[in-house]
């Protein structure tokens, strides 16, 4: 099967959470959001768009490093 091509540039979403309890209200992965906040970072998603639908990578965001991919818990 051929690799599917992106139909647009990736979107980076960064949320301004300040307390771990805020993560329960909106984060797709609350445990990862909490981990980011405890490290002094913001929870973020990098979203890639394909014909078959979006693909999300979850991680943290910190200036000036940018998006930092975090390992998801199994």
PDB file of N, CA and C in Angstrom:
ATOM      1  N   UNK A   1       0.832  -1.175   0.000  1.00  0.00           N
ATOM      2  CA  UNK A   1       0.000   0.000   0.000  1.00  0.00           C
ATOM      3  C   UNK A   1       0.887   1.253   0.000  1.00  0.00           C
ATOM      4  N   UNK A   2       0.570   2.212  -0.841  1.00  0.00           N
ATOM      5  CA  UNK A   2       1.339   3.450  -0.932  1.00  0.00           C
ATOM      6  C   UNK A   2       1.077   4.326   0.290  1.00  0.00           C
ATOM      7  N   UNK A   3       2.082   5.109   0.647  1.00  0.00           N
ATOM      8  CA  UNK A   3       1.941   6.018   1.781  1.00  0.00           C
ATOM      9  C   UNK A   3       0.981   7.146   1.401  1.00  0.00           C
ATOM     10  N   UNK A   4       0.051   7.431   2.290  1.00  0.00           N
ATOM     11  CA  UNK A   4      -0.937   8.473   2.042  1.00  0.00           C
ATOM     12  C   UNK A   4      -0.287   9.850   2.187  1.00  0.00           C
ATOM     13  N   UNK A   5      -0.610  10.772   1.286  1.00  0.00           N
ATOM     14  CA  UNK A   5      -0.031  12.109   1.327  1.00  0.00           C
ATOM     15  C   UNK A   5      -0.901  13.060   2.126  1.00  0.00           C
ATOM     16  N   UNK A   6      -0.255  14.003   2.791  1.00  0.00           N
ATOM     17  CA  UNK A   6      -0.980  15.022   3.544  1.00  0.00           C
ATOM     18  C   UNK A   6      -1.712  15.939   2.574  1.00  0.00           C
ATOM     19  N   UNK A   7      -2.918  16.386   2.966  1.00  0.00           N
ATOM     20  CA  UNK A   7      -3.673  17.293   2.109  1.00  0.00           C
ATOM     21  C   UNK A   7      -3.502  18.750   2.541  1.00  0.00           C
ATOM     22  N   UNK A   8      -2.844  18.976   3.670  1.00  0.00           N
ATOM     23  CA  UNK A   8      -2.514  20.338   4.109  1.00  0.00           C
ATOM     24  C   UNK A   8      -1.361  20.255   5.101  1.00  0.00           C
ATOM     25  N   UNK A   9      -0.850  21.403   5.482  1.00  0.00           N
ATOM     26  CA  UNK A   9       0.220  21.444   6.477  1.00  0.00           C
ATOM     27  C   UNK A   9      -0.331  21.021   7.839  1.00  0.00           C
ATOM     28  N   UNK A  10       0.526  20.492   8.720  1.00  0.00           N
ATOM     29  CA  UNK A  10       0.056  20.106  10.055  1.00  0.00           C
ATOM     30  C   UNK A  10      -0.377  21.326  10.862  1.00  0.00           C
ATOM     31  N   UNK A  11      -1.293  21.093  11.771  1.00  0.00           N
ATOM     32  CA  UNK A  11      -1.785  22.125  12.682  1.00  0.00           C
ATOM     33  C   UNK A  11      -1.238  21.827  14.071  1.00  0.00           C
ATOM     34  N   UNK A  12      -0.716  22.834  14.748  1.00  0.00           N
ATOM     35  CA  UNK A  12      -0.238  22.667  16.112  1.00  0.00           C
ATOM     36  C   UNK A  12      -1.230  23.361  17.040  1.00  0.00           C
ATOM     37  N   UNK A  13      -1.849  22.594  17.939  1.00  0.00           N
ATOM     38  CA  UNK A  13      -2.782  23.142  18.921  1.00  0.00           C
ATOM     39  C   UNK A  13      -2.104  23.106  20.285  1.00  0.00           C
ATOM     40  N   UNK A  14      -2.081  24.245  20.955  1.00  0.00           N
ATOM     41  CA  UNK A  14      -1.455  24.359  22.275  1.00  0.00           C
ATOM     42  C   UNK A  14      -2.490  24.938  23.225  1.00  0.00           C
ATOM     43  N   UNK A  15      -2.693  24.273  24.373  1.00  0.00           N
ATOM     44  CA  UNK A  15      -3.688  24.725  25.342  1.00  0.00           C
ATOM     45  C   UNK A  15      -3.038  25.420  26.533  1.00  0.00           C
ATOM     46  N   UNK A  16      -3.642  26.504  26.989  1.00  0.00           N
ATOM     47  CA  UNK A  16      -3.085  27.252  28.130  1.00  0.00           C
ATOM     48  C   UNK A  16      -3.618  26.767  29.476  1.00  0.00           C
ATOM     49  N   UNK A  17      -3.276  25.560  29.866  1.00  0.00           N
ATOM     50  CA  UNK A  17      -3.687  25.051  31.169  1.00  0.00           C
ATOM     51  C   UNK A  17      -2.653  25.457  32.211  1.00  0.00           C
ATOM     52  N   UNK A  18      -3.122  25.762  33.395  1.00  0.00           N
ATOM     53  CA  UNK A  18      -2.219  26.208  34.452  1.00  0.00           C
ATOM     54  C   UNK A  18      -2.234  25.293  35.669  1.00  0.00           C
ATOM     55  N   UNK A  19      -3.300  24.495  35.825  1.00  0.00           N
ATOM     56  CA  UNK A  19      -3.409  23.583  36.961  1.00  0.00           C
ATOM     57  C   UNK A  19      -3.780  22.196  36.450  1.00  0.00           C
ATOM     58  N   UNK A  20      -3.237  21.143  37.054  1.00  0.00           N
ATOM     59  CA  UNK A  20      -3.539  19.773  36.579  1.00  0.00           C
ATOM     60  C   UNK A  20      -5.021  19.449  36.536  1.00  0.00           C
ATOM     61  N   UNK A  21      -5.822  19.979  37.455  1.00  0.00           N
ATOM     62  CA  UNK A  21      -7.251  19.660  37.459  1.00  0.00           C
ATOM     63  C   UNK A  21      -7.976  20.205  36.221  1.00  0.00           C
ATOM     64  N   UNK A  22      -7.413  21.214  35.564  1.00  0.00           N
ATOM     65  CA  UNK A  22      -8.019  21.732  34.339  1.00  0.00           C
ATOM     66  C   UNK A  22      -7.977  20.696  33.216  1.00  0.00           C
ATOM     67  N   UNK A  23      -7.015  19.804  33.248  1.00  0.00           N
ATOM     68  CA  UNK A  23      -6.855  18.807  32.197  1.00  0.00           C
ATOM     69  C   UNK A  23      -8.058  17.870  32.087  1.00  0.00           C
ATOM     70  N   UNK A  24      -8.746  17.629  33.180  1.00  0.00           N
ATOM     71  CA  UNK A  24      -9.892  16.716  33.166  1.00  0.00           C
ATOM     72  C   UNK A  24     -11.049  17.266  32.360  1.00  0.00           C
ATOM     73  N   UNK A  25     -11.107  18.585  32.191  1.00  0.00           N
ATOM     74  CA  UNK A  25     -12.248  19.203  31.519  1.00  0.00           C
ATOM     75  C   UNK A  25     -12.191  19.095  29.999  1.00  0.00           C
ATOM     76  N   UNK A  26     -11.005  19.145  29.394  1.00  0.00           N
ATOM     77  CA  UNK A  26     -10.951  19.248  27.943  1.00  0.00           C
ATOM     78  C   UNK A  26      -9.878  18.409  27.255  1.00  0.00           C
ATOM     79  N   UNK A  27      -8.873  17.954  27.976  1.00  0.00           N
ATOM     80  CA  UNK A  27      -7.760  17.249  27.330  1.00  0.00           C
ATOM     81  C   UNK A  27      -8.177  15.868  26.834  1.00  0.00           C
ATOM     82  N   UNK A  28      -7.737  15.518  25.644  1.00  0.00           N
ATOM     83  CA  UNK A  28      -8.003  14.184  25.107  1.00  0.00           C
ATOM     84  C   UNK A  28      -7.246  13.135  25.923  1.00  0.00           C
ATOM     85  N   UNK A  29      -6.037  13.481  26.351  1.00  0.00           N
ATOM     86  CA  UNK A  29      -5.231  12.599  27.202  1.00  0.00           C
ATOM     87  C   UNK A  29      -4.910  13.347  28.499  1.00  0.00           C
ATOM     88  N   UNK A  30      -5.822  13.318  29.479  1.00  0.00           N
ATOM     89  CA  UNK A  30      -5.608  14.088  30.720  1.00  0.00           C
ATOM     90  C   UNK A  30      -4.309  13.769  31.442  1.00  0.00           C
ATOM     91  N   UNK A  31      -3.883  12.499  31.464  1.00  0.00           N
ATOM     92  CA  UNK A  31      -2.647  12.140  32.168  1.00  0.00           C
ATOM     93  C   UNK A  31      -1.443  12.799  31.504  1.00  0.00           C
ATOM     94  N   UNK A  32      -1.464  12.922  30.173  1.00  0.00           N
ATOM     95  CA  UNK A  32      -0.358  13.559  29.469  1.00  0.00           C
ATOM     96  C   UNK A  32      -0.382  15.067  29.688  1.00  0.00           C
ATOM     97  N   UNK A  33      -1.559  15.650  29.694  1.00  0.00           N
ATOM     98  CA  UNK A  33      -1.714  17.072  29.994  1.00  0.00           C
ATOM     99  C   UNK A  33      -1.125  17.382  31.368  1.00  0.00           C
ATOM    100  N   UNK A  34      -1.454  16.560  32.356  1.00  0.00           N
ATOM    101  CA  UNK A  34      -0.935  16.760  33.721  1.00  0.00           C
ATOM    102  C   UNK A  34       0.587  16.637  33.755  1.00  0.00           C
ATOM    103  N   UNK A  35       1.118  15.657  33.031  1.00  0.00           N
ATOM    104  CA  UNK A  35       2.565  15.465  32.982  1.00  0.00           C
ATOM    105  C   UNK A  35       3.247  16.705  32.398  1.00  0.00           C
ATOM    106  N   UNK A  36       2.670  17.264  31.327  1.00  0.00           N
ATOM    107  CA  UNK A  36       3.240  18.462  30.710  1.00  0.00           C
ATOM    108  C   UNK A  36       3.253  19.627  31.700  1.00  0.00           C
ATOM    109  N   UNK A  37       2.132  19.842  32.380  1.00  0.00           N
ATOM    110  CA  UNK A  37       2.022  20.952  33.325  1.00  0.00           C
ATOM    111  C   UNK A  37       3.030  20.790  34.463  1.00  0.00           C
ATOM    112  N   UNK A  38       3.176  19.574  34.977  1.00  0.00           N
ATOM    113  CA  UNK A  38       4.124  19.340  36.063  1.00  0.00           C
ATOM    114  C   UNK A  38       5.568  19.579  35.631  1.00  0.00           C
ATOM    115  N   UNK A  39       5.840  19.476  34.310  1.00  0.00           N
ATOM    116  CA  UNK A  39       7.176  19.738  33.767  1.00  0.00           C
ATOM    117  C   UNK A  39       7.339  21.212  33.380  1.00  0.00           C
ATOM    118  N   UNK A  40       6.305  22.027  33.621  1.00  0.00           N
ATOM    119  CA  UNK A  40       6.375  23.443  33.257  1.00  0.00           C
ATOM    120  C   UNK A  40       6.132  23.695  31.781  1.00  0.00           C
ATOM    121  N   UNK A  41       5.425  22.770  31.122  1.00  0.00           N
ATOM    122  CA  UNK A  41       5.137  22.883  29.688  1.00  0.00           C
ATOM    123  C   UNK A  41       3.627  22.959  29.482  1.00  0.00           C
ATOM    124  N   UNK A  42       3.211  23.159  28.244  1.00  0.00           N
ATOM    125  CA  UNK A  42       1.795  23.180  27.897  1.00  0.00           C
ATOM    126  C   UNK A  42       1.455  21.919  27.113  1.00  0.00           C
ATOM    127  N   UNK A  43       0.242  21.429  27.298  1.00  0.00           N
ATOM    128  CA  UNK A  43      -0.249  20.279  26.539  1.00  0.00           C
ATOM    129  C   UNK A  43      -0.484  20.713  25.097  1.00  0.00           C
ATOM    130  N   UNK A  44      -0.107  19.870  24.130  1.00  0.00           N
ATOM    131  CA  UNK A  44      -0.243  20.227  22.723  1.00  0.00           C
ATOM    132  C   UNK A  44      -0.544  19.001  21.869  1.00  0.00           C
ATOM    133  N   UNK A  45      -1.121  19.261  20.720  1.00  0.00           N
ATOM    134  CA  UNK A  45      -1.349  18.226  19.714  1.00  0.00           C
ATOM    135  C   UNK A  45      -0.814  18.732  18.388  1.00  0.00           C
ATOM    136  N   UNK A  46      -0.203  17.839  17.634  1.00  0.00           N
ATOM    137  CA  UNK A  46       0.177  18.138  16.260  1.00  0.00           C
ATOM    138  C   UNK A  46      -0.739  17.278  15.398  1.00  0.00           C
ATOM    139  N   UNK A  47      -1.536  17.935  14.555  1.00  0.00           N
ATOM    140  CA  UNK A  47      -2.551  17.235  13.777  1.00  0.00           C
ATOM    141  C   UNK A  47      -2.168  17.253  12.301  1.00  0.00           C
ATOM    142  N   UNK A  48      -2.113  16.075  11.709  1.00  0.00           N
ATOM    143  CA  UNK A  48      -1.812  15.910  10.289  1.00  0.00           C
ATOM    144  C   UNK A  48      -3.113  15.560   9.577  1.00  0.00           C
ATOM    145  N   UNK A  49      -3.331  16.138   8.418  1.00  0.00           N
ATOM    146  CA  UNK A  49      -4.581  15.935   7.690  1.00  0.00           C
ATOM    147  C   UNK A  49      -4.349  15.093   6.438  1.00  0.00           C
ATOM    148  N   UNK A  50      -5.118  13.998   6.344  1.00  0.00           N
ATOM    149  CA  UNK A  50      -5.059  13.084   5.218  1.00  0.00           C
ATOM    150  C   UNK A  50      -6.473  12.900   4.665  1.00  0.00           C
ATOM    151  N   UNK A  51      -6.565  12.366   3.459  1.00  0.00           N
ATOM    152  CA  UNK A  51      -7.880  12.098   2.863  1.00  0.00           C
ATOM    153  C   UNK A  51      -8.728  11.205   3.767  1.00  0.00           C
ATOM    154  N   UNK A  52      -8.108  10.255   4.432  1.00  0.00           N
ATOM    155  CA  UNK A  52      -8.838   9.315   5.293  1.00  0.00           C
ATOM    156  C   UNK A  52      -9.226   9.915   6.647  1.00  0.00           C
ATOM    157  N   UNK A  53      -8.688  11.105   6.963  1.00  0.00           N
ATOM    158  CA  UNK A  53      -9.018  11.761   8.226  1.00  0.00           C
ATOM    159  C   UNK A  53      -7.773  12.269   8.938  1.00  0.00           C
ATOM    160  N   UNK A  54      -7.974  12.963  10.055  1.00  0.00           N
ATOM    161  CA  UNK A  54      -6.835  13.529  10.777  1.00  0.00           C
ATOM    162  C   UNK A  54      -6.076  12.479  11.594  1.00  0.00           C
ATOM    163  N   UNK A  55      -4.786  12.725  11.794  1.00  0.00           N
ATOM    164  CA  UNK A  55      -3.938  11.889  12.641  1.00  0.00           C
ATOM    165  C   UNK A  55      -3.291  12.808  13.666  1.00  0.00           C
ATOM    166  N   UNK A  56      -3.426  12.484  14.957  1.00  0.00           N
ATOM    167  CA  UNK A  56      -2.928  13.348  16.026  1.00  0.00           C
ATOM    168  C   UNK A  56      -1.737  12.744  16.759  1.00  0.00           C
ATOM    169  N   UNK A  57      -0.738  13.588  16.986  1.00  0.00           N
ATOM    170  CA  UNK A  57       0.357  13.252  17.885  1.00  0.00           C
ATOM    171  C   UNK A  57       0.171  14.106  19.129  1.00  0.00           C
ATOM    172  N   UNK A  58       0.320  13.513  20.298  1.00  0.00           N
ATOM    173  CA  UNK A  58       0.117  14.226  21.553  1.00  0.00           C
ATOM    174  C   UNK A  58       1.461  14.462  22.217  1.00  0.00           C
ATOM    175  N   UNK A  59       1.621  15.640  22.787  1.00  0.00           N
ATOM    176  CA  UNK A  59       2.860  15.957  23.459  1.00  0.00           C
ATOM    177  C   UNK A  59       2.768  17.240  24.242  1.00  0.00           C
ATOM    178  N   UNK A  60       3.916  17.836  24.479  1.00  0.00           N
ATOM    179  CA  UNK A  60       4.004  19.080  25.240  1.00  0.00           C
ATOM    180  C   UNK A  60       4.590  20.163  24.346  1.00  0.00           C
ATOM    181  N   UNK A  61       4.439  21.395  24.791  1.00  0.00           N
ATOM    182  CA  UNK A  61       4.965  22.523  24.041  1.00  0.00           C
ATOM    183  C   UNK A  61       5.699  23.441  25.001  1.00  0.00           C
ATOM    184  N   UNK A  62       6.862  23.906  24.558  1.00  0.00           N
ATOM    185  CA  UNK A  62       7.658  24.827  25.357  1.00  0.00           C
ATOM    186  C   UNK A  62       8.446  25.721  24.408  1.00  0.00           C
ATOM    187  N   UNK A  63       8.430  27.014  24.669  1.00  0.00           N
ATOM    188  CA  UNK A  63       9.245  27.952  23.884  1.00  0.00           C
ATOM    189  C   UNK A  63      10.676  27.873  24.394  1.00  0.00           C
ATOM    190  N   UNK A  64      11.682  27.922  23.614  1.00  0.00           N
ATOM    191  CA  UNK A  64      11.697  27.998  22.158  1.00  0.00           C
ATOM    192  C   UNK A  64      11.773  26.635  21.477  1.00  0.00           C
ATOM    193  N   UNK A  65      11.738  25.552  22.244  1.00  0.00           N
ATOM    194  CA  UNK A  65      11.896  24.215  21.663  1.00  0.00           C
ATOM    195  C   UNK A  65      10.769  23.848  20.710  1.00  0.00           C
ATOM    196  N   UNK A  66       9.548  24.275  21.032  1.00  0.00           N
ATOM    197  CA  UNK A  66       8.396  23.926  20.210  1.00  0.00           C
ATOM    198  C   UNK A  66       7.730  22.652  20.698  1.00  0.00           C
ATOM    199  N   UNK A  67       7.161  21.893  19.774  1.00  0.00           N
ATOM    200  CA  UNK A  67       6.424  20.674  20.093  1.00  0.00           C
ATOM    201  C   UNK A  67       7.380  19.562  20.487  1.00  0.00           C
ATOM    202  N   UNK A  68       7.067  18.886  21.582  1.00  0.00           N
ATOM    203  CA  UNK A  68       7.888  17.784  22.089  1.00  0.00           C
ATOM    204  C   UNK A  68       6.983  16.559  22.212  1.00  0.00           C
ATOM    205  N   UNK A  69       7.230  15.556  21.401  1.00  0.00           N
ATOM    206  CA  UNK A  69       6.425  14.344  21.425  1.00  0.00           C
ATOM    207  C   UNK A  69       6.648  13.604  22.740  1.00  0.00           C
ATOM    208  N   UNK A  70       5.564  13.192  23.394  1.00  0.00           N
ATOM    209  CA  UNK A  70       5.643  12.450  24.657  1.00  0.00           C
ATOM    210  C   UNK A  70       5.127  11.037  24.444  1.00  0.00           C
ATOM    211  N   UNK A  71       5.697  10.092  25.123  1.00  0.00           N
ATOM    212  CA  UNK A  71       5.243   8.701  25.049  1.00  0.00           C
ATOM    213  C   UNK A  71       3.891   8.575  25.741  1.00  0.00           C
ATOM    214  N   UNK A  72       2.963   7.893  25.082  1.00  0.00           N
ATOM    215  CA  UNK A  72       1.647   7.660  25.675  1.00  0.00           C
ATOM    216  C   UNK A  72       1.701   6.439  26.575  1.00  0.00           C
ATOM    217  N   UNK A  73       0.934   6.473  27.657  1.00  0.00           N
ATOM    218  CA  UNK A  73       0.846   5.314  28.555  1.00  0.00           C
ATOM    219  C   UNK A  73      -0.002   4.260  27.909  1.00  0.00           C
ATOM    220  N   UNK A  74       0.317   3.025  28.138  1.00  0.00           N
ATOM    221  CA  UNK A  74      -0.466   1.911  27.567  1.00  0.00           C
ATOM    222  C   UNK A  74      -1.419   1.384  28.606  1.00  0.00           C
TER     223      UNK A  74
END
